[in-house]
Each structure stands twice: as structure tokens, then as C-alpha cells.
Amino acid sequence: MIDFLYITSPSYSGSTLLTFLLNTHPEIATIGELKGDSMDVVNYQCSCGEPIGQCDFWNSVVRKMHEKGESFDLADKWTQCGYRVQNASFTNRLVRTRHRSLPFELCRSVYMALSPANRRMFRRVNQTNVNFARTVFEITGKSVFLDSSKDAMRLKYLSRVDGLRVKAIHLVRDGRGGLLSFMKHENLSPEIATREWLRSHLEIREVMRSLDDDQKTVLKYEDMCNDTDATMERLFKFVGVDPAAGEKDYRAVDHHILGNAMRFGNSSEIRLDTKWVRELTDEQLATFERVGGWLNRQFGYDNSVPTAEPVAT
């Protein structure tokens, strides 16, 4: 049985930082997001600094996956670990669309059970995920695999895979910070950005309900930044590894993580990002409050705005 840890959250919630922090533990291994995509093996850099096609770690992964009978190719997204159905567009859309109401989910489950293309895909992808985790364990000598793919439906599918003992971290952040990031990076209006943040969390909460209490926990991004040591001690206990064994300086550990540009930074200082305090207008804040404020308060954030940007280390 493979111990499999999963981070689920909307985008721009701090999952890359959390991935680096968890990867400081000598029993936790990760490559970041495992959901799969195509890569330019010549130019795309691993967090170790080498192009992924020249990285010793990734070359070892490909070789060992081939030894397990996997047609694993970093440049071909269909041979990755993501739940995608090749050459079956309707089935692929149904597999990947967000978690919906109970009637929709029942219809989805029935269709997926009856679709030959879907059954073949799930058998292949489930086995590939299991083999990938085993391969990383063989290379690193570690015993817990971390997947920071964030996607809630992927968590739902993985939690049903024989051979995986799944635990999930629901990472939350003050939604006003998420609003600013969605607006900046996705070029969304305040209302659409807020609805994207809201839909992501509601989907995650529905999927998390299917897990037992000892399989799931909620983590605030702000707690991770403001009290990193206590937060990581709690998380390591949740995972079931020695809480005292993690490295304090996350930049001092070798990483082979795929993801955003933060992985190439030099500083290990952890600062709370509250740019939204300065940059969001009263109108944008009012839009967020009208659409998503009720959920933000459920997460423990009130609707007041700090008068000065706090700094955390």
C-alpha cells in the first residue's frame, strides 16, 4: 500500500510553497503536480536547474518506468498520470468536468462505468500513478508520495485507486488574495474571478466529504506563512511522519519539482503575500463580498481590510 498525500486548492493559494516545505521531510517525495502535461524536454527546467531532458532524476524516472512496462514519455501528455481519454472527446470532457450536483454525479458514474474507453483509460492511468510513485520511492528511498495537482476531481479518482492510501490537504487562502491573483494572471473581471475561486472551493468541499476524517485536513495559507514551524509540525503528524525531521531551510534540500517560477528563487524567507490590501479597489472588494464573502467567512476570514500590510517570516 502506497501512502499518497494530495494538495487540493484553487490556483494561487500557495501550493508551490507548501510543496517545497513538505518536500523537506526525509520521508516525503514529490515532483509537484502529477496530473500530466506535455513538456519541452530541451528547454523546460527542473527545479534543480537542469533541463528536464538532461536531469539525472528525470532520466532515472523514465528508465525505471519503462522497466515497469510504462510507455512513459515526458514530451507526450497522454502517457502522463492525468485522467484524460484520448480520441474520445465527449468521454474526456465528462471525466474532467467539475464536480456537480448529486444527480449529475450519479449520471457521470453510470456513464463512466459503461464506457469501454473510460474503463481502459482508468485502468491505465491508475496503474501509471501507482508505478510512478513506486519509481520515485526507488530513486529517493522515501515512503510518502506527495501530489500537488490541486484538482478536486483528480483527488476523487485517486481516492478510489487500489494500492493508494490517500490523505488530502485542503489549502485555503483569504479569497481576496485569490481574487487579485485570478484577475492578474487570468485577466478575469472581479466577478468572474470571484466565482472561479468560489466554484473551486465548493467542488473541493464536495469531494472532501467522501474522505474519512483521518484522511483530510484544512490548512490556511496565512498560518503556513505566519507560523511555519508549528504548521509543518501539525502537517507532518497528520501525514504520519516524524514531525521533528523536516529541514527548516527549504532551499537547502534537493528538489525536482515542476511548477511556477517560485521554484527557482534563492531566498528561503517566507513572507505573507497581502498585496490585495493595497491593490484591490473598494468596488472590487464589494464585488468579492457580494459573491464570495459568505464562504470566506466560513473559512475564518472576516470582511475587514487591514490598514497596513503585515510582514511574516
C-alpha atoms as a PDB file:
ATOM      1  CA  MET A   1       0.000   0.000   0.000  1.00  0.00           C
ATOM      2  CA  ILE A   2       1.375   3.415  -1.023  1.00  0.00           C
ATOM      3  CA  ASP A   3       0.976   6.413   1.273  1.00  0.00           C
ATOM      4  CA  PHE A   4      -0.223   9.138  -1.092  1.00  0.00           C
ATOM      5  CA  LEU A   5      -0.578  12.771   0.045  1.00  0.00           C
ATOM      6  CA  TYR A   6      -2.564  15.238  -2.058  1.00  0.00           C
ATOM      7  CA  ILE A   7      -2.838  19.049  -2.002  1.00  0.00           C
ATOM      8  CA  THR A   8      -6.144  20.419  -3.286  1.00  0.00           C
ATOM      9  CA  SER A   9      -6.868  24.132  -3.659  1.00  0.00           C
ATOM     10  CA  PRO A  10      -7.788  26.832  -6.146  1.00  0.00           C
ATOM     11  CA  SER A  11      -4.873  28.207  -8.109  1.00  0.00           C
ATOM     12  CA  TYR A  12      -2.772  30.944  -6.463  1.00  0.00           C
ATOM     13  CA  SER A  13      -3.303  29.650  -2.930  1.00  0.00           C
ATOM     14  CA  GLY A  14       0.315  28.878  -2.020  1.00  0.00           C
ATOM     15  CA  SER A  15       0.506  25.234  -3.090  1.00  0.00           C
ATOM     16  CA  THR A  16       4.010  25.571  -4.549  1.00  0.00           C
ATOM     17  CA  LEU A  17       5.388  26.881  -1.260  1.00  0.00           C
ATOM     18  CA  LEU A  18       3.587  24.127   0.640  1.00  0.00           C
ATOM     19  CA  THR A  19       5.035  21.539  -1.746  1.00  0.00           C
ATOM     20  CA  PHE A  20       8.581  22.771  -1.079  1.00  0.00           C
ATOM     21  CA  LEU A  21       8.007  22.757   2.678  1.00  0.00           C
ATOM     22  CA  LEU A  22       6.598  19.227   2.709  1.00  0.00           C
ATOM     23  CA  ASN A  23       9.436  18.030   0.485  1.00  0.00           C
ATOM     24  CA  THR A  24      11.943  18.971   3.212  1.00  0.00           C
ATOM     25  CA  HIS A  25      10.937  15.851   5.130  1.00  0.00           C
ATOM     26  CA  PRO A  26      13.215  12.836   4.558  1.00  0.00           C
ATOM     27  CA  GLU A  27      10.171  10.546   4.127  1.00  0.00           C
ATOM     28  CA  ILE A  28       8.191  12.702   1.662  1.00  0.00           C
ATOM     29  CA  ALA A  29       8.917  12.688  -2.086  1.00  0.00           C
ATOM     30  CA  THR A  30       7.315  14.862  -4.753  1.00  0.00           C
ATOM     31  CA  ILE A  31       7.695  16.223  -8.254  1.00  0.00           C
ATOM     32  CA  GLY A  32       4.931  18.781  -7.717  1.00  0.00           C
ATOM     33  CA  GLU A  33       1.879  18.433  -9.956  1.00  0.00           C
ATOM     34  CA  LEU A  34       1.484  14.910 -11.286  1.00  0.00           C
ATOM     35  CA  LYS A  35      -1.684  15.441 -13.339  1.00  0.00           C
ATOM     36  CA  GLY A  36       0.332  15.440 -16.546  1.00  0.00           C
ATOM     37  CA  ASP A  37       1.004  17.753 -19.443  1.00  0.00           C
ATOM     38  CA  SER A  38       3.297  17.960 -22.427  1.00  0.00           C
ATOM     39  CA  MET A  39       6.779  19.373 -21.833  1.00  0.00           C
ATOM     40  CA  ASP A  40       9.616  20.775 -23.888  1.00  0.00           C
ATOM     41  CA  VAL A  41      12.316  18.419 -22.669  1.00  0.00           C
ATOM     42  CA  VAL A  42      15.051  20.578 -24.211  1.00  0.00           C
ATOM     43  CA  ASN A  43      14.123  23.927 -22.663  1.00  0.00           C
ATOM     44  CA  TYR A  44      11.839  23.221 -19.680  1.00  0.00           C
ATOM     45  CA  GLN A  45      13.893  23.355 -16.495  1.00  0.00           C
ATOM     46  CA  CYS A  46      13.563  21.104 -13.484  1.00  0.00           C
ATOM     47  CA  SER A  47      13.812  22.949 -10.166  1.00  0.00           C
ATOM     48  CA  CYS A  48      17.329  21.510  -9.842  1.00  0.00           C
ATOM     49  CA  GLY A  49      18.302  23.886 -12.673  1.00  0.00           C
ATOM     50  CA  GLU A  50      18.856  21.297 -15.416  1.00  0.00           C
ATOM     51  CA  PRO A  51      16.645  20.984 -18.496  1.00  0.00           C
ATOM     52  CA  ILE A  52      14.241  18.184 -17.714  1.00  0.00           C
ATOM     53  CA  GLY A  53      15.652  16.073 -20.561  1.00  0.00           C
ATOM     54  CA  GLN A  54      19.140  16.255 -19.022  1.00  0.00           C
ATOM     55  CA  CYS A  55      18.187  15.898 -15.354  1.00  0.00           C
ATOM     56  CA  ASP A  56      19.562  12.691 -13.826  1.00  0.00           C
ATOM     57  CA  PHE A  57      16.470  12.316 -11.645  1.00  0.00           C
ATOM     58  CA  TRP A  58      14.037  12.549 -14.541  1.00  0.00           C
ATOM     59  CA  ASN A  59      16.130  10.301 -16.765  1.00  0.00           C
ATOM     60  CA  SER A  60      16.046   7.719 -13.969  1.00  0.00           C
ATOM     61  CA  VAL A  61      12.271   8.096 -13.692  1.00  0.00           C
ATOM     62  CA  VAL A  62      11.782   7.488 -17.428  1.00  0.00           C
ATOM     63  CA  ARG A  63      14.139   4.485 -17.444  1.00  0.00           C
ATOM     64  CA  LYS A  64      12.511   2.826 -14.430  1.00  0.00           C
ATOM     65  CA  MET A  65       9.010   3.485 -15.758  1.00  0.00           C
ATOM     66  CA  HIS A  66       9.977   1.764 -18.996  1.00  0.00           C
ATOM     67  CA  GLU A  67      11.279  -1.176 -16.964  1.00  0.00           C
ATOM     68  CA  LYS A  68       7.801  -1.416 -15.427  1.00  0.00           C
ATOM     69  CA  GLY A  69       6.239  -1.612 -18.884  1.00  0.00           C
ATOM     70  CA  GLU A  70       5.062   2.010 -18.970  1.00  0.00           C
ATOM     71  CA  SER A  71       5.297   3.920 -22.261  1.00  0.00           C
ATOM     72  CA  PHE A  72       6.367   6.979 -20.322  1.00  0.00           C
ATOM     73  CA  ASP A  73       7.430   9.996 -22.360  1.00  0.00           C
ATOM     74  CA  LEU A  74       7.837  13.450 -20.784  1.00  0.00           C
ATOM     75  CA  ALA A  75       7.048  15.086 -24.114  1.00  0.00           C
ATOM     76  CA  ASP A  76       3.709  13.272 -24.568  1.00  0.00           C
ATOM     77  CA  LYS A  77       0.918  14.300 -22.229  1.00  0.00           C
ATOM     78  CA  TRP A  78      -1.146  11.190 -22.947  1.00  0.00           C
ATOM     79  CA  THR A  79       1.444   8.961 -21.314  1.00  0.00           C
ATOM     80  CA  GLN A  80       1.500  11.009 -18.113  1.00  0.00           C
ATOM     81  CA  CYS A  81      -0.548  10.371 -14.985  1.00  0.00           C
ATOM     82  CA  GLY A  82      -3.510  12.628 -15.784  1.00  0.00           C
ATOM     83  CA  TYR A  83      -7.079  11.371 -16.198  1.00  0.00           C
ATOM     84  CA  ARG A  84      -7.601  12.032 -19.897  1.00  0.00           C
ATOM     85  CA  VAL A  85      -9.266   9.934 -22.576  1.00  0.00           C
ATOM     86  CA  GLN A  86      -7.503  10.138 -25.916  1.00  0.00           C
ATOM     87  CA  ASN A  87      -9.635  10.254 -29.092  1.00  0.00           C
ATOM     88  CA  ALA A  88     -12.921  10.278 -27.141  1.00  0.00           C
ATOM     89  CA  SER A  89     -13.755  13.950 -26.697  1.00  0.00           C
ATOM     90  CA  PHE A  90     -17.162  13.565 -25.004  1.00  0.00           C
ATOM     91  CA  THR A  91     -15.881  10.995 -22.502  1.00  0.00           C
ATOM     92  CA  ASN A  92     -12.824  13.121 -21.839  1.00  0.00           C
ATOM     93  CA  ARG A  93     -14.958  16.183 -21.115  1.00  0.00           C
ATOM     94  CA  LEU A  94     -17.193  14.174 -18.820  1.00  0.00           C
ATOM     95  CA  VAL A  95     -14.229  12.775 -16.889  1.00  0.00           C
ATOM     96  CA  ARG A  96     -12.604  16.168 -16.436  1.00  0.00           C
ATOM     97  CA  THR A  97     -15.583  18.462 -15.822  1.00  0.00           C
ATOM     98  CA  ARG A  98     -16.046  19.788 -12.312  1.00  0.00           C
ATOM     99  CA  HIS A  99     -17.934  18.049  -9.537  1.00  0.00           C
ATOM    100  CA  ARG A 100     -21.630  18.932  -9.798  1.00  0.00           C
ATOM    101  CA  SER A 101     -24.921  18.073  -8.121  1.00  0.00           C
ATOM    102  CA  LEU A 102     -25.711  14.556  -6.913  1.00  0.00           C
ATOM    103  CA  PRO A 103     -27.903  13.699  -9.968  1.00  0.00           C
ATOM    104  CA  PHE A 104     -25.108  14.755 -12.315  1.00  0.00           C
ATOM    105  CA  GLU A 105     -22.532  12.767 -10.372  1.00  0.00           C
ATOM    106  CA  LEU A 106     -24.742   9.681 -10.468  1.00  0.00           C
ATOM    107  CA  CYS A 107     -25.136  10.037 -14.241  1.00  0.00           C
ATOM    108  CA  ARG A 108     -21.407  10.559 -14.634  1.00  0.00           C
ATOM    109  CA  SER A 109     -20.643   7.438 -12.579  1.00  0.00           C
ATOM    110  CA  VAL A 110     -23.053   5.311 -14.633  1.00  0.00           C
ATOM    111  CA  TYR A 111     -21.664   6.527 -17.948  1.00  0.00           C
ATOM    112  CA  MET A 112     -18.066   6.079 -16.835  1.00  0.00           C
ATOM    113  CA  ALA A 113     -18.811   2.540 -15.690  1.00  0.00           C
ATOM    114  CA  LEU A 114     -20.406   1.675 -19.043  1.00  0.00           C
ATOM    115  CA  SER A 115     -17.887   3.369 -21.342  1.00  0.00           C
ATOM    116  CA  PRO A 116     -15.209   0.938 -22.614  1.00  0.00           C
ATOM    117  CA  ALA A 117     -12.869   3.844 -23.463  1.00  0.00           C
ATOM    118  CA  ASN A 118     -13.231   5.213 -19.949  1.00  0.00           C
ATOM    119  CA  ARG A 119     -12.640   1.861 -18.271  1.00  0.00           C
ATOM    120  CA  ARG A 120      -9.490   1.308 -20.320  1.00  0.00           C
ATOM    121  CA  MET A 121      -8.233   4.791 -19.508  1.00  0.00           C
ATOM    122  CA  PHE A 122      -8.815   4.412 -15.768  1.00  0.00           C
ATOM    123  CA  ARG A 123      -7.056   1.048 -15.631  1.00  0.00           C
ATOM    124  CA  ARG A 124      -4.051   2.515 -17.445  1.00  0.00           C
ATOM    125  CA  VAL A 125      -3.865   5.818 -15.568  1.00  0.00           C
ATOM    126  CA  ASN A 126      -4.425   4.260 -12.150  1.00  0.00           C
ATOM    127  CA  GLN A 127      -1.590   1.820 -12.746  1.00  0.00           C
ATOM    128  CA  THR A 128       0.655   4.579 -14.097  1.00  0.00           C
ATOM    129  CA  ASN A 129       0.098   6.653 -10.959  1.00  0.00           C
ATOM    130  CA  VAL A 130       0.934   3.679  -8.752  1.00  0.00           C
ATOM    131  CA  ASN A 131       4.036   2.853 -10.807  1.00  0.00           C
ATOM    132  CA  PHE A 132       5.172   6.478 -10.799  1.00  0.00           C
ATOM    133  CA  ALA A 133       5.026   6.707  -7.001  1.00  0.00           C
ATOM    134  CA  ARG A 134       6.872   3.385  -6.678  1.00  0.00           C
ATOM    135  CA  THR A 135       9.520   4.594  -9.122  1.00  0.00           C
ATOM    136  CA  VAL A 136      10.128   7.795  -7.158  1.00  0.00           C
ATOM    137  CA  PHE A 137      10.398   5.744  -3.950  1.00  0.00           C
ATOM    138  CA  GLU A 138      13.018   3.524  -5.595  1.00  0.00           C
ATOM    139  CA  ILE A 139      15.070   6.555  -6.653  1.00  0.00           C
ATOM    140  CA  THR A 140      14.740   8.597  -3.454  1.00  0.00           C
ATOM    141  CA  GLY A 141      14.370   5.930  -0.765  1.00  0.00           C
ATOM    142  CA  LYS A 142      11.343   7.790   0.623  1.00  0.00           C
ATOM    143  CA  SER A 143       7.983   6.347   1.667  1.00  0.00           C
ATOM    144  CA  VAL A 144       5.264   9.027   1.225  1.00  0.00           C
ATOM    145  CA  PHE A 145       4.406  10.444  -2.194  1.00  0.00           C
ATOM    146  CA  LEU A 146       3.062  13.999  -2.497  1.00  0.00           C
ATOM    147  CA  ASP A 147       0.971  15.131  -5.467  1.00  0.00           C
ATOM    148  CA  SER A 148       0.214  18.876  -5.544  1.00  0.00           C
ATOM    149  CA  SER A 149      -2.041  18.802  -8.617  1.00  0.00           C
ATOM    150  CA  LYS A 150      -4.791  20.742  -6.754  1.00  0.00           C
ATOM    151  CA  ASP A 151      -7.619  19.422  -8.980  1.00  0.00           C
ATOM    152  CA  ALA A 152     -10.535  18.115  -6.899  1.00  0.00           C
ATOM    153  CA  MET A 153     -11.769  15.548  -9.422  1.00  0.00           C
ATOM    154  CA  ARG A 154      -8.295  14.042  -9.597  1.00  0.00           C
ATOM    155  CA  LEU A 155      -8.425  13.640  -5.821  1.00  0.00           C
ATOM    156  CA  LYS A 156     -11.782  11.884  -6.152  1.00  0.00           C
ATOM    157  CA  TYR A 157     -10.396   9.411  -8.691  1.00  0.00           C
ATOM    158  CA  LEU A 158      -7.152   8.780  -6.802  1.00  0.00           C
ATOM    159  CA  SER A 159      -9.001   8.108  -3.543  1.00  0.00           C
ATOM    160  CA  ARG A 160     -10.611   5.105  -5.250  1.00  0.00           C
ATOM    161  CA  VAL A 161      -7.402   3.529  -6.558  1.00  0.00           C
ATOM    162  CA  ASP A 162      -6.498   0.161  -5.083  1.00  0.00           C
ATOM    163  CA  GLY A 163      -2.980   0.363  -3.718  1.00  0.00           C
ATOM    164  CA  LEU A 164      -3.113   4.033  -2.669  1.00  0.00           C
ATOM    165  CA  ARG A 165      -3.701   5.177   0.920  1.00  0.00           C
ATOM    166  CA  VAL A 166      -4.758   8.768   0.210  1.00  0.00           C
ATOM    167  CA  LYS A 167      -4.680  11.743   2.565  1.00  0.00           C
ATOM    168  CA  ALA A 168      -5.629  15.250   1.439  1.00  0.00           C
ATOM    169  CA  ILE A 169      -4.750  18.794   2.481  1.00  0.00           C
ATOM    170  CA  HIS A 170      -7.359  21.412   1.588  1.00  0.00           C
ATOM    171  CA  LEU A 171      -5.320  24.611   1.282  1.00  0.00           C
ATOM    172  CA  VAL A 172      -7.296  27.832   1.748  1.00  0.00           C
ATOM    173  CA  ARG A 173      -6.299  31.473   1.469  1.00  0.00           C
ATOM    174  CA  ASP A 174      -8.177  34.701   2.088  1.00  0.00           C
ATOM    175  CA  GLY A 175     -10.273  34.837  -1.061  1.00  0.00           C
ATOM    176  CA  ARG A 176      -9.420  38.463  -1.660  1.00  0.00           C
ATOM    177  CA  GLY A 177      -5.828  37.418  -2.305  1.00  0.00           C
ATOM    178  CA  GLY A 178      -7.120  34.773  -4.694  1.00  0.00           C
ATOM    179  CA  LEU A 179      -9.299  37.388  -6.400  1.00  0.00           C
ATOM    180  CA  LEU A 180      -6.316  39.623  -7.136  1.00  0.00           C
ATOM    181  CA  SER A 181      -4.249  36.724  -8.485  1.00  0.00           C
ATOM    182  CA  PHE A 182      -7.024  35.451 -10.766  1.00  0.00           C
ATOM    183  CA  MET A 183      -7.558  38.976 -12.094  1.00  0.00           C
ATOM    184  CA  LYS A 184      -3.851  39.474 -12.778  1.00  0.00           C
ATOM    185  CA  HIS A 185      -2.859  36.079 -14.120  1.00  0.00           C
ATOM    186  CA  GLU A 186      -6.065  35.031 -15.889  1.00  0.00           C
ATOM    187  CA  ASN A 187      -7.225  38.502 -16.970  1.00  0.00           C
ATOM    188  CA  LEU A 188     -10.641  37.957 -15.379  1.00  0.00           C
ATOM    189  CA  SER A 189     -13.163  40.514 -14.215  1.00  0.00           C
ATOM    190  CA  PRO A 190     -13.649  40.781 -10.427  1.00  0.00           C
ATOM    191  CA  GLU A 191     -16.963  38.941 -10.563  1.00  0.00           C
ATOM    192  CA  ILE A 192     -15.758  36.097 -12.782  1.00  0.00           C
ATOM    193  CA  ALA A 193     -12.547  35.784 -10.741  1.00  0.00           C
ATOM    194  CA  THR A 194     -14.528  35.546  -7.511  1.00  0.00           C
ATOM    195  CA  ARG A 195     -16.874  32.950  -8.996  1.00  0.00           C
ATOM    196  CA  GLU A 196     -13.879  30.889 -10.140  1.00  0.00           C
ATOM    197  CA  TRP A 197     -12.461  30.972  -6.594  1.00  0.00           C
ATOM    198  CA  LEU A 198     -15.883  30.099  -5.158  1.00  0.00           C
ATOM    199  CA  ARG A 199     -16.579  27.215  -7.556  1.00  0.00           C
ATOM    200  CA  SER A 200     -13.158  25.702  -6.893  1.00  0.00           C
ATOM    201  CA  HIS A 201     -13.673  25.629  -3.136  1.00  0.00           C
ATOM    202  CA  LEU A 202     -17.236  24.325  -3.348  1.00  0.00           C
ATOM    203  CA  GLU A 203     -16.071  21.497  -5.599  1.00  0.00           C
ATOM    204  CA  ILE A 204     -13.226  20.672  -3.219  1.00  0.00           C
ATOM    205  CA  ARG A 205     -15.580  20.595  -0.231  1.00  0.00           C
ATOM    206  CA  GLU A 206     -17.912  18.169  -2.022  1.00  0.00           C
ATOM    207  CA  VAL A 207     -15.054  15.809  -2.871  1.00  0.00           C
ATOM    208  CA  MET A 208     -13.515  16.066   0.613  1.00  0.00           C
ATOM    209  CA  ARG A 209     -16.808  14.921   2.146  1.00  0.00           C
ATOM    210  CA  SER A 210     -16.183  11.475   0.664  1.00  0.00           C
ATOM    211  CA  LEU A 211     -12.981  11.073   2.713  1.00  0.00           C
ATOM    212  CA  ASP A 212     -12.819   9.853   6.298  1.00  0.00           C
ATOM    213  CA  ASP A 213     -11.890  12.389   8.970  1.00  0.00           C
ATOM    214  CA  ASP A 214      -8.393  10.968   9.414  1.00  0.00           C
ATOM    215  CA  GLN A 215      -7.785  11.323   5.665  1.00  0.00           C
ATOM    216  CA  LYS A 216      -8.246  15.083   5.430  1.00  0.00           C
ATOM    217  CA  THR A 217      -7.233  18.379   6.961  1.00  0.00           C
ATOM    218  CA  VAL A 218      -7.668  22.079   6.191  1.00  0.00           C
ATOM    219  CA  LEU A 219      -4.682  24.429   6.133  1.00  0.00           C
ATOM    220  CA  LYS A 220      -4.682  28.215   5.933  1.00  0.00           C
ATOM    221  CA  TYR A 221      -2.024  29.799   3.736  1.00  0.00           C
ATOM    222  CA  GLU A 222      -1.709  32.587   6.293  1.00  0.00           C
ATOM    223  CA  ASP A 223      -0.921  30.114   9.102  1.00  0.00           C
ATOM    224  CA  MET A 224       1.703  28.468   6.897  1.00  0.00           C
ATOM    225  CA  CYS A 225       3.424  31.840   6.457  1.00  0.00           C
ATOM    226  CA  ASN A 226       2.931  33.314   9.921  1.00  0.00           C
ATOM    227  CA  ASP A 227       3.834  30.239  11.978  1.00  0.00           C
ATOM    228  CA  THR A 228       5.623  27.898   9.618  1.00  0.00           C
ATOM    229  CA  ASP A 229       7.251  25.635  12.218  1.00  0.00           C
ATOM    230  CA  ALA A 230       4.028  24.891  14.106  1.00  0.00           C
ATOM    231  CA  THR A 231       2.112  24.427  10.868  1.00  0.00           C
ATOM    232  CA  MET A 232       4.600  21.934   9.462  1.00  0.00           C
ATOM    233  CA  GLU A 233       4.731  20.024  12.740  1.00  0.00           C
ATOM    234  CA  ARG A 234       0.947  19.628  12.581  1.00  0.00           C
ATOM    235  CA  LEU A 235       1.039  18.551   8.948  1.00  0.00           C
ATOM    236  CA  PHE A 236       3.818  16.024   9.469  1.00  0.00           C
ATOM    237  CA  LYS A 237       1.803  14.490  12.312  1.00  0.00           C
ATOM    238  CA  PHE A 238      -1.225  14.335  10.003  1.00  0.00           C
ATOM    239  CA  VAL A 239       0.844  12.584   7.332  1.00  0.00           C
ATOM    240  CA  GLY A 240       2.213  10.136   9.899  1.00  0.00           C
ATOM    241  CA  VAL A 241       5.919  11.006   9.715  1.00  0.00           C
ATOM    242  CA  ASP A 242       8.313  12.257  12.396  1.00  0.00           C
ATOM    243  CA  PRO A 243       7.341  15.923  12.941  1.00  0.00           C
ATOM    244  CA  ALA A 244      10.858  16.856  14.029  1.00  0.00           C
ATOM    245  CA  ALA A 245      12.643  15.522  10.952  1.00  0.00           C
ATOM    246  CA  GLY A 246      11.865  18.267   8.418  1.00  0.00           C
ATOM    247  CA  GLU A 247      14.610  20.641   7.276  1.00  0.00           C
ATOM    248  CA  LYS A 248      13.976  24.241   8.399  1.00  0.00           C
ATOM    249  CA  ASP A 249      15.506  25.815   5.275  1.00  0.00           C
ATOM    250  CA  TYR A 250      13.500  24.504   2.352  1.00  0.00           C
ATOM    251  CA  ARG A 251      16.055  25.801  -0.157  1.00  0.00           C
ATOM    252  CA  ALA A 252      18.714  23.580   1.445  1.00  0.00           C
ATOM    253  CA  VAL A 253      17.013  20.418   0.163  1.00  0.00           C
ATOM    254  CA  ASP A 254      17.326  18.961  -3.346  1.00  0.00           C
ATOM    255  CA  HIS A 255      14.052  19.385  -5.244  1.00  0.00           C
ATOM    256  CA  HIS A 256      12.867  18.077  -8.609  1.00  0.00           C
ATOM    257  CA  ILE A 257       9.595  19.978  -8.647  1.00  0.00           C
ATOM    258  CA  LEU A 258       7.656  21.121 -11.701  1.00  0.00           C
ATOM    259  CA  GLY A 259       5.553  24.238 -11.400  1.00  0.00           C
ATOM    260  CA  ASN A 260       5.727  28.007 -11.264  1.00  0.00           C
ATOM    261  CA  ALA A 261       8.756  30.315 -11.207  1.00  0.00           C
ATOM    262  CA  MET A 262       8.960  30.346  -7.398  1.00  0.00           C
ATOM    263  CA  ARG A 263      10.912  27.085  -7.574  1.00  0.00           C
ATOM    264  CA  PHE A 264      13.931  28.972  -8.970  1.00  0.00           C
ATOM    265  CA  GLY A 265      14.185  31.543  -6.172  1.00  0.00           C
ATOM    266  CA  ASN A 266      17.210  31.817  -3.920  1.00  0.00           C
ATOM    267  CA  SER A 267      15.669  33.126  -0.715  1.00  0.00           C
ATOM    268  CA  SER A 268      14.127  30.790   1.844  1.00  0.00           C
ATOM    269  CA  GLU A 269      12.410  33.659   3.650  1.00  0.00           C
ATOM    270  CA  ILE A 270       8.661  33.132   3.889  1.00  0.00           C
ATOM    271  CA  ARG A 271       6.598  36.306   3.619  1.00  0.00           C
ATOM    272  CA  LEU A 272       2.835  36.593   3.733  1.00  0.00           C
ATOM    273  CA  ASP A 273       1.554  37.929   0.409  1.00  0.00           C
ATOM    274  CA  THR A 274      -1.119  40.556   1.118  1.00  0.00           C
ATOM    275  CA  LYS A 275      -0.773  42.722  -1.981  1.00  0.00           C
ATOM    276  CA  TRP A 276      -4.560  42.645  -2.227  1.00  0.00           C
ATOM    277  CA  VAL A 277      -4.718  45.038   0.757  1.00  0.00           C
ATOM    278  CA  ARG A 278      -3.039  47.763  -1.339  1.00  0.00           C
ATOM    279  CA  GLU A 279      -4.220  46.903  -4.823  1.00  0.00           C
ATOM    280  CA  LEU A 280      -7.904  45.942  -4.677  1.00  0.00           C
ATOM    281  CA  THR A 281     -10.327  48.835  -5.016  1.00  0.00           C
ATOM    282  CA  ASP A 282     -13.384  49.332  -2.822  1.00  0.00           C
ATOM    283  CA  GLU A 283     -15.550  48.323  -5.776  1.00  0.00           C
ATOM    284  CA  GLN A 284     -13.598  45.098  -6.323  1.00  0.00           C
ATOM    285  CA  LEU A 285     -13.766  44.268  -2.620  1.00  0.00           C
ATOM    286  CA  ALA A 286     -17.522  44.890  -2.666  1.00  0.00           C
ATOM    287  CA  THR A 287     -17.906  42.504  -5.613  1.00  0.00           C
ATOM    288  CA  PHE A 288     -15.996  39.815  -3.763  1.00  0.00           C
ATOM    289  CA  GLU A 289     -18.076  40.312  -0.624  1.00  0.00           C
ATOM    290  CA  ARG A 290     -21.329  40.079  -2.572  1.00  0.00           C
ATOM    291  CA  VAL A 291     -20.364  36.892  -4.444  1.00  0.00           C
ATOM    292  CA  GLY A 292     -17.984  35.003  -2.164  1.00  0.00           C
ATOM    293  CA  GLY A 293     -17.800  36.752   1.178  1.00  0.00           C
ATOM    294  CA  TRP A 294     -20.059  34.193   2.864  1.00  0.00           C
ATOM    295  CA  LEU A 295     -17.620  31.348   2.095  1.00  0.00           C
ATOM    296  CA  ASN A 296     -14.594  33.422   3.029  1.00  0.00           C
ATOM    297  CA  ARG A 297     -16.129  33.941   6.487  1.00  0.00           C
ATOM    298  CA  GLN A 298     -16.752  30.207   6.815  1.00  0.00           C
ATOM    299  CA  PHE A 299     -13.006  29.756   6.351  1.00  0.00           C
ATOM    300  CA  GLY A 300     -12.438  32.188   9.228  1.00  0.00           C
ATOM    301  CA  TYR A 301     -11.748  35.433   7.354  1.00  0.00           C
ATOM    302  CA  ASP A 302     -13.854  38.462   8.310  1.00  0.00           C
ATOM    303  CA  ASN A 303     -14.709  41.191   5.816  1.00  0.00           C
ATOM    304  CA  SER A 304     -12.486  43.861   7.363  1.00  0.00           C
ATOM    305  CA  VAL A 305      -9.446  45.120   5.447  1.00  0.00           C
ATOM    306  CA  PRO A 306      -6.133  45.584   7.313  1.00  0.00           C
ATOM    307  CA  THR A 307      -4.855  49.152   7.338  1.00  0.00           C
ATOM    308  CA  ALA A 308      -1.251  48.091   6.736  1.00  0.00           C
ATOM    309  CA  GLU A 309       0.357  45.129   5.015  1.00  0.00           C
ATOM    310  CA  PRO A 310       1.639  42.628   7.596  1.00  0.00           C
ATOM    311  CA  VAL A 311       5.026  41.043   7.168  1.00  0.00           C
ATOM    312  CA  ALA A 312       5.729  37.441   8.213  1.00  0.00           C
ATOM    313  CA  THR A 313       8.919  35.440   8.252  1.00  0.00           C
END
